[in-house]
């Protein structure tokens, strides 16, 4: 039972973190932009939501405020990159560093507890559901809506321009599209989703902490890679978006299983690095095996032809 409860809790957290992974998917896979803002932006969302809840604001309204705060953080990174010509990875690092101090300013301290405060889980609690099941259901609803909206948005003219900017920026610029605007919009949308995820995780765990976003980008990349390795790219764009969320759930379940087997929590960063390395290596290994298999079959076919 303890093992099943751990997996259930991991799945509920995986869905909430999956929203962050969807945001990272926009910059990492669609825009081809290494955005380091994620670590600070995740904590920003949690900080804004926690503070607004403690002053009496509705928990769901605080989610909207966190979404807007994340978009603003993404705009700052975009401004540093597109207007001030600072390299993308450095622009993200600068914003991430600044957000650490900003998050402490927002909360007035290193963390803000939400014990006794209303949260998004109150609706499911009133229905008699546990906190874990409530987080899972709310996460599924939010993830499904966000995936549907992203699928629609990236099929529009604006969304297609963003995708084209990530594929071939020079060609898109030659067609008269302002690629700087496309980057800014993508960064704003990405970090808005990251902050939304941070706000939901903060409400789920009952507190916001200035360090809750540490290592977020690595977790997000691990989830994206796991989703692609396990589910592949067989169908349309919506399938890739869903695989990202499932990858986040699988990652959390792997962590929960390993902890249940006795691994120390201090080794989680090492485990995450190993998971990412293995997930990145799998396609290469598969390709090598396929090539060797094709060579052996060709040699066998040639030898049979020669014997005939």
Protein backbone atom coordinates (compact mmCIF):
# COMPACT_ATOMS: atom_id res chain seq x y z
CA UNK A 1 0.00 0.00 0.00
CA UNK A 2 2.85 2.36 0.81
CA UNK A 3 4.33 1.73 -2.63
CA UNK A 4 0.98 2.32 -4.38
CA UNK A 5 0.37 5.53 -2.44
CA UNK A 6 3.85 6.77 -3.37
CA UNK A 7 3.17 6.10 -7.07
CA UNK A 8 -0.23 7.80 -6.79
CA UNK A 9 1.33 10.87 -5.20
CA UNK A 10 4.06 10.91 -7.84
CA UNK A 11 1.46 10.81 -10.61
CA UNK A 12 -0.45 13.75 -9.11
CA UNK A 13 2.74 15.80 -8.84
CA UNK A 14 3.82 14.70 -12.32
CA UNK A 15 0.67 16.12 -13.90
CA UNK A 16 1.13 19.48 -12.15
CA UNK A 17 4.80 19.62 -13.16
CA UNK A 18 3.75 18.56 -16.65
CA UNK A 19 2.32 22.05 -17.19
CA UNK A 20 5.82 23.42 -16.57
CA UNK A 21 7.16 20.88 -19.05
CA UNK A 22 4.69 22.10 -21.67
CA UNK A 23 6.06 25.60 -21.17
CA UNK A 24 9.63 24.40 -21.53
CA UNK A 25 8.61 22.45 -24.65
CA UNK A 26 7.73 25.75 -26.34
CA UNK A 27 11.23 27.22 -25.95
CA UNK A 28 13.32 24.05 -26.04
CA UNK A 29 11.62 22.18 -28.89
CA UNK A 30 9.52 24.69 -30.83
CA UNK A 31 11.60 27.87 -30.61
CA UNK A 32 14.99 26.10 -30.22
CA UNK A 33 15.89 28.54 -27.43
CA UNK A 34 17.82 27.52 -24.30
CA UNK A 35 15.80 29.49 -21.74
CA UNK A 36 17.26 29.39 -18.23
CA UNK A 37 14.53 31.67 -16.85
CA UNK A 38 12.55 28.56 -15.92
CA UNK A 39 14.19 27.96 -12.52
CA UNK A 40 13.37 31.43 -11.22
CA UNK A 41 10.00 31.66 -12.95
CA UNK A 42 8.70 28.47 -11.35
CA UNK A 43 9.36 29.91 -7.89
CA UNK A 44 7.91 33.25 -9.04
CA UNK A 45 4.57 31.61 -9.78
CA UNK A 46 4.51 29.92 -6.38
CA UNK A 47 5.48 33.13 -4.57
CA UNK A 48 2.85 35.30 -6.26
CA UNK A 49 0.09 32.75 -5.71
CA UNK A 50 0.98 32.13 -2.04
CA UNK A 51 1.17 35.82 -1.16
CA UNK A 52 -2.12 36.66 -2.90
CA UNK A 53 -3.88 33.77 -1.15
CA UNK A 54 -2.63 34.92 2.27
CA UNK A 55 -4.10 38.39 1.69
CA UNK A 56 -7.51 36.91 0.90
CA UNK A 57 -7.55 36.53 -2.91
CA UNK A 58 -9.33 33.59 -4.52
CA UNK A 59 -6.87 30.72 -5.22
CA UNK A 60 -7.87 30.48 -8.87
CA UNK A 61 -7.51 34.22 -9.36
CA UNK A 62 -4.02 33.89 -7.88
CA UNK A 63 -3.25 31.32 -10.59
CA UNK A 64 -4.15 33.90 -13.23
CA UNK A 65 -1.90 36.45 -11.50
CA UNK A 66 0.97 33.94 -11.47
CA UNK A 67 0.39 33.30 -15.18
CA UNK A 68 0.68 37.04 -15.87
CA UNK A 69 3.79 37.37 -13.68
CA UNK A 70 5.46 34.53 -15.59
CA UNK A 71 4.64 36.19 -18.91
CA UNK A 72 6.27 39.39 -17.66
CA UNK A 73 9.42 37.47 -16.66
CA UNK A 74 9.53 35.91 -20.13
CA UNK A 75 9.19 39.36 -21.69
CA UNK A 76 12.21 40.55 -19.69
CA UNK A 77 14.30 37.67 -21.04
CA UNK A 78 13.04 38.40 -24.54
CA UNK A 79 13.90 42.09 -24.19
CA UNK A 80 17.45 41.31 -23.04
CA UNK A 81 17.92 38.96 -25.98
CA UNK A 82 16.15 40.72 -28.83
CA UNK A 83 16.71 44.39 -27.97
CA UNK A 84 19.99 44.36 -26.06
CA UNK A 85 21.49 41.54 -28.17
CA UNK A 86 22.48 39.46 -25.14
CA UNK A 87 22.88 35.74 -26.03
CA UNK A 88 19.75 33.77 -25.21
CA UNK A 89 21.22 31.49 -22.56
CA UNK A 90 22.88 34.42 -20.77
CA UNK A 91 19.69 36.51 -20.93
CA UNK A 92 17.82 33.67 -19.24
CA UNK A 93 20.49 33.31 -16.55
CA UNK A 94 20.37 37.04 -15.80
CA UNK A 95 16.59 36.97 -15.40
CA UNK A 96 16.77 33.82 -13.28
CA UNK A 97 19.30 35.41 -10.91
CA UNK A 98 17.21 38.57 -10.62
CA UNK A 99 14.06 36.55 -9.90
CA UNK A 100 15.67 35.02 -6.80
CA UNK A 101 15.79 38.43 -5.12
CA UNK A 102 12.41 39.42 -6.56
CA UNK A 103 10.76 36.30 -5.14
CA UNK A 104 12.12 37.08 -1.66
CA UNK A 105 10.85 40.64 -2.06
CA UNK A 106 7.40 39.39 -3.02
CA UNK A 107 7.13 37.02 -0.04
CA UNK A 108 9.13 39.14 2.40
CA UNK A 109 10.86 35.96 3.53
CA UNK A 110 12.34 32.73 2.15
CA UNK A 111 9.03 30.85 2.21
CA UNK A 112 5.31 31.37 2.71
CA UNK A 113 3.19 28.62 4.31
CA UNK A 114 -0.40 28.07 3.22
CA UNK A 115 -1.58 26.09 6.25
CA UNK A 116 -5.20 26.93 6.96
CA UNK A 117 -5.49 29.04 3.80
CA UNK A 118 -7.94 28.26 0.97
CA UNK A 119 -6.38 26.55 -2.06
CA UNK A 120 -7.50 25.12 -5.38
CA UNK A 121 -7.91 21.73 -3.65
CA UNK A 122 -10.83 22.94 -1.53
CA UNK A 123 -13.27 22.03 -4.31
CA UNK A 124 -12.16 18.40 -4.41
CA UNK A 125 -11.91 18.22 -0.61
CA UNK A 126 -15.55 19.23 -0.33
CA UNK A 127 -16.40 16.30 -2.60
CA UNK A 128 -14.73 13.95 -0.12
CA UNK A 129 -11.63 13.30 -2.23
CA UNK A 130 -8.13 13.08 -0.79
CA UNK A 131 -5.53 15.75 -1.41
CA UNK A 132 -3.60 13.45 -3.76
CA UNK A 133 -6.63 12.54 -5.88
CA UNK A 134 -7.71 16.18 -5.92
CA UNK A 135 -4.30 17.31 -7.21
CA UNK A 136 -4.40 14.57 -9.85
CA UNK A 137 -7.87 15.49 -11.12
CA UNK A 138 -7.21 19.24 -11.18
CA UNK A 139 -3.86 18.65 -12.89
CA UNK A 140 -5.49 16.46 -15.55
CA UNK A 141 -8.18 19.07 -16.26
CA UNK A 142 -5.68 21.93 -16.50
CA UNK A 143 -3.25 19.87 -18.62
CA UNK A 144 -5.98 18.78 -21.03
CA UNK A 145 -7.23 22.35 -21.48
CA UNK A 146 -3.70 23.71 -21.97
CA UNK A 147 -2.82 20.99 -24.50
CA UNK A 148 -6.01 21.76 -26.45
CA UNK A 149 -5.30 25.51 -26.41
CA UNK A 150 -1.67 25.00 -27.45
CA UNK A 151 -2.73 22.68 -30.28
CA UNK A 152 -5.16 25.34 -31.51
CA UNK A 153 -2.76 28.27 -31.04
CA UNK A 154 0.20 26.70 -32.85
CA UNK A 155 -2.09 25.92 -35.75
CA UNK A 156 -2.95 29.59 -36.22
CA UNK A 157 -0.98 31.97 -38.41
CA UNK A 158 0.83 33.44 -35.40
CA UNK A 159 1.59 30.05 -33.90
CA UNK A 160 2.85 28.73 -37.23
CA UNK A 161 5.14 31.76 -37.52
CA UNK A 162 6.62 30.93 -34.10
CA UNK A 163 7.20 27.32 -35.12
CA UNK A 164 8.77 28.47 -38.39
CA UNK A 165 11.04 30.87 -36.46
CA UNK A 166 12.37 27.94 -34.47
CA UNK A 167 12.94 25.87 -37.62
CA UNK A 168 14.56 28.50 -39.85
CA UNK A 169 14.78 32.04 -38.52
CA UNK A 170 16.47 33.50 -41.60
CA UNK A 171 13.83 32.18 -43.97
CA UNK A 172 11.01 33.53 -41.81
CA UNK A 173 12.70 36.93 -41.60
CA UNK A 174 13.04 36.95 -45.39
CA UNK A 175 9.27 36.46 -45.62
CA UNK A 176 8.73 39.70 -43.70
CA UNK A 177 7.97 38.26 -40.26
CA UNK A 178 9.42 40.06 -37.23
CA UNK A 179 11.24 37.15 -35.60
CA UNK A 180 12.01 39.20 -32.49
CA UNK A 181 8.30 39.53 -31.79
CA UNK A 182 7.85 35.81 -32.35
CA UNK A 183 10.58 35.07 -29.80
CA UNK A 184 9.08 37.44 -27.26
CA UNK A 185 5.61 35.91 -27.60
CA UNK A 186 6.99 32.37 -27.28
CA UNK A 187 9.08 33.28 -24.22
CA UNK A 188 6.12 34.99 -22.58
CA UNK A 189 3.82 32.02 -23.19
CA UNK A 190 6.45 29.53 -22.05
CA UNK A 191 7.27 31.26 -18.79
CA UNK A 192 3.61 31.98 -18.11
CA UNK A 193 2.93 28.23 -18.15
CA UNK A 194 5.99 27.60 -15.98
CA UNK A 195 4.77 30.13 -13.39
CA UNK A 196 1.26 28.65 -13.52
CA UNK A 197 2.73 25.23 -12.77
CA UNK A 198 4.75 26.69 -9.89
CA UNK A 199 1.60 28.24 -8.42
CA UNK A 200 -0.31 24.97 -8.65
CA UNK A 201 2.54 22.99 -7.08
CA UNK A 202 2.79 25.54 -4.25
CA UNK A 203 -0.92 25.22 -3.50
CA UNK A 204 -0.72 21.44 -3.70
CA UNK A 205 2.24 21.11 -1.31
CA UNK A 206 0.97 23.82 1.03
CA UNK A 207 3.80 26.35 0.82
CA UNK A 208 5.90 28.43 -1.55
CA UNK A 209 9.66 28.53 -1.22
CA UNK A 210 12.28 30.67 -2.92
CA UNK A 211 14.28 27.56 -3.80
CA UNK A 212 11.40 25.45 -5.11
CA UNK A 213 12.45 26.07 -8.71
CA UNK A 214 16.04 24.83 -8.32
CA UNK A 215 16.78 22.25 -11.02
CA UNK A 216 13.43 22.82 -12.74
CA UNK A 217 14.93 23.06 -16.21
CA UNK A 218 16.72 19.71 -15.81
CA UNK A 219 13.50 18.07 -14.61
CA UNK A 220 11.63 19.57 -17.56
CA UNK A 221 14.21 18.40 -20.09
CA UNK A 222 14.20 14.92 -18.55
CA UNK A 223 10.40 14.79 -18.86
CA UNK A 224 10.45 15.93 -22.49
CA UNK A 225 13.12 13.44 -23.47
CA UNK A 226 11.47 10.56 -21.60
CA UNK A 227 8.16 11.37 -23.29
CA UNK A 228 9.77 11.37 -26.74
CA UNK A 229 11.73 8.18 -26.12
CA UNK A 230 8.78 6.24 -24.68
CA UNK A 231 5.98 7.53 -26.93
CA UNK A 232 7.94 8.70 -30.00
CA UNK A 233 6.68 11.14 -32.63
CA UNK A 234 4.22 8.87 -34.40
CA UNK A 235 1.23 11.15 -34.81
CA UNK A 236 0.41 14.83 -34.94
CA UNK A 237 1.43 17.79 -32.80
CA UNK A 238 -1.19 17.09 -30.11
CA UNK A 239 0.38 13.66 -29.56
CA UNK A 240 3.76 15.25 -28.86
CA UNK A 241 2.17 17.63 -26.37
CA UNK A 242 0.46 14.76 -24.55
CA UNK A 243 3.69 12.75 -24.51
CA UNK A 244 5.39 15.66 -22.72
CA UNK A 245 2.86 15.49 -19.87
CA UNK A 246 3.10 11.70 -19.70
CA UNK A 247 6.88 12.01 -19.65
CA UNK A 248 6.61 14.23 -16.57
CA UNK A 249 4.40 11.64 -14.85
CA UNK A 250 6.81 8.81 -15.74
CA UNK A 251 9.75 10.81 -14.40
CA UNK A 252 7.99 11.42 -11.08
CA UNK A 253 7.03 7.75 -10.80
CA UNK A 254 10.64 6.71 -11.44
CA UNK A 255 11.78 9.04 -8.65
CA UNK A 256 9.11 7.70 -6.28
CA UNK A 257 10.02 4.07 -7.02
CA UNK A 258 13.73 4.69 -6.48
CA UNK A 259 13.06 6.45 -3.17
CA UNK A 260 10.86 3.55 -2.08
CA UNK A 261 13.75 1.20 -2.85
CA UNK A 262 15.92 3.05 -0.36
CA UNK A 263 17.84 5.70 -2.30
CA UNK A 264 18.68 8.85 -0.34
CA UNK A 265 16.82 12.01 -1.33
CA UNK A 266 20.18 13.81 -1.58
CA UNK A 267 21.02 11.60 -4.58
CA UNK A 268 18.02 12.72 -6.65
CA UNK A 269 20.04 15.23 -8.68
CA UNK A 270 22.50 12.49 -9.60
CA UNK A 271 19.61 10.22 -10.56
CA UNK A 272 18.06 12.95 -12.70
CA UNK A 273 21.36 13.45 -14.55
CA UNK A 274 21.60 9.70 -15.18
CA UNK A 275 18.00 9.54 -16.44
CA UNK A 276 18.60 12.42 -18.87
CA UNK A 277 21.85 10.89 -20.12
CA UNK A 278 20.22 7.48 -20.66
CA UNK A 279 17.19 9.01 -22.39
CA UNK A 280 19.45 11.02 -24.72
CA UNK A 281 21.59 7.98 -25.47
CA UNK A 282 18.71 5.61 -26.26
CA UNK A 283 17.90 7.02 -29.74
CA UNK A 284 21.59 6.84 -30.65
CA UNK A 285 21.86 3.24 -29.44
CA UNK A 286 18.67 2.31 -31.29
CA UNK A 287 20.02 3.90 -34.47
CA UNK A 288 23.29 1.99 -34.21
CA UNK A 289 21.46 -1.30 -33.63
CA UNK A 290 19.18 -0.63 -36.61
CA UNK A 291 22.14 0.18 -38.87
CA UNK A 292 23.98 -2.97 -37.82
CA UNK A 293 20.84 -5.04 -38.39
CA UNK A 294 20.43 -3.57 -41.87
CA UNK A 295 24.06 -4.30 -42.70
CA UNK A 296 23.74 -7.91 -41.57
CA UNK A 297 20.57 -8.37 -43.60
CA UNK A 298 22.21 -6.84 -46.69
CA UNK A 299 25.21 -9.12 -46.32
CA UNK A 300 22.95 -12.13 -45.89
CA UNK A 301 20.96 -11.12 -49.00
CA UNK A 302 24.17 -10.68 -51.01
CA UNK A 303 25.56 -14.03 -49.92
CA UNK A 304 22.29 -15.79 -50.83
CA UNK A 305 22.32 -14.07 -54.21
CA UNK A 306 25.92 -15.17 -54.82
CA UNK A 307 25.13 -18.79 -53.95
CA UNK A 308 22.25 -18.82 -56.40
